[in-house]
């Protein structure tokens, strides 16, 4: 977590001039640069989707209570909770070292907690 929000790459590995992970080809590397574009005709050393973001976690829960008044009449109370623990799960977004949003976590993987209540009368 930084002053600019959550990051999946340490702030020192991001180019302070433009927010990318590399400097322009043919220029001097910036202080703390750890990523480099491969030269023409060669393969790079990073695999696709190498960077992992924070773990994902979501718990959905439901409570149900049926109350009978007679043989034919009853009430059913229900509560559903989606993402019941309201755990923030960040989406590790752009993993292209040449874009200005490299390493920035800019969205959530799951929505915030949602509660739903229901009442069902059977007759």
Foldseek 3Di string as FASTA:
>chain_A
DDPVAAFQDDPLQADPVQQFNFDPPPDDTDGSRDDDDDDPPDDDDDDPPNGDDDDDDWDKDKDKDWADPDPFKIKMKMKIKTSNVQDFAFDQDDCHRPDNCHRPGDDTPDDGIDMDIDMDITD
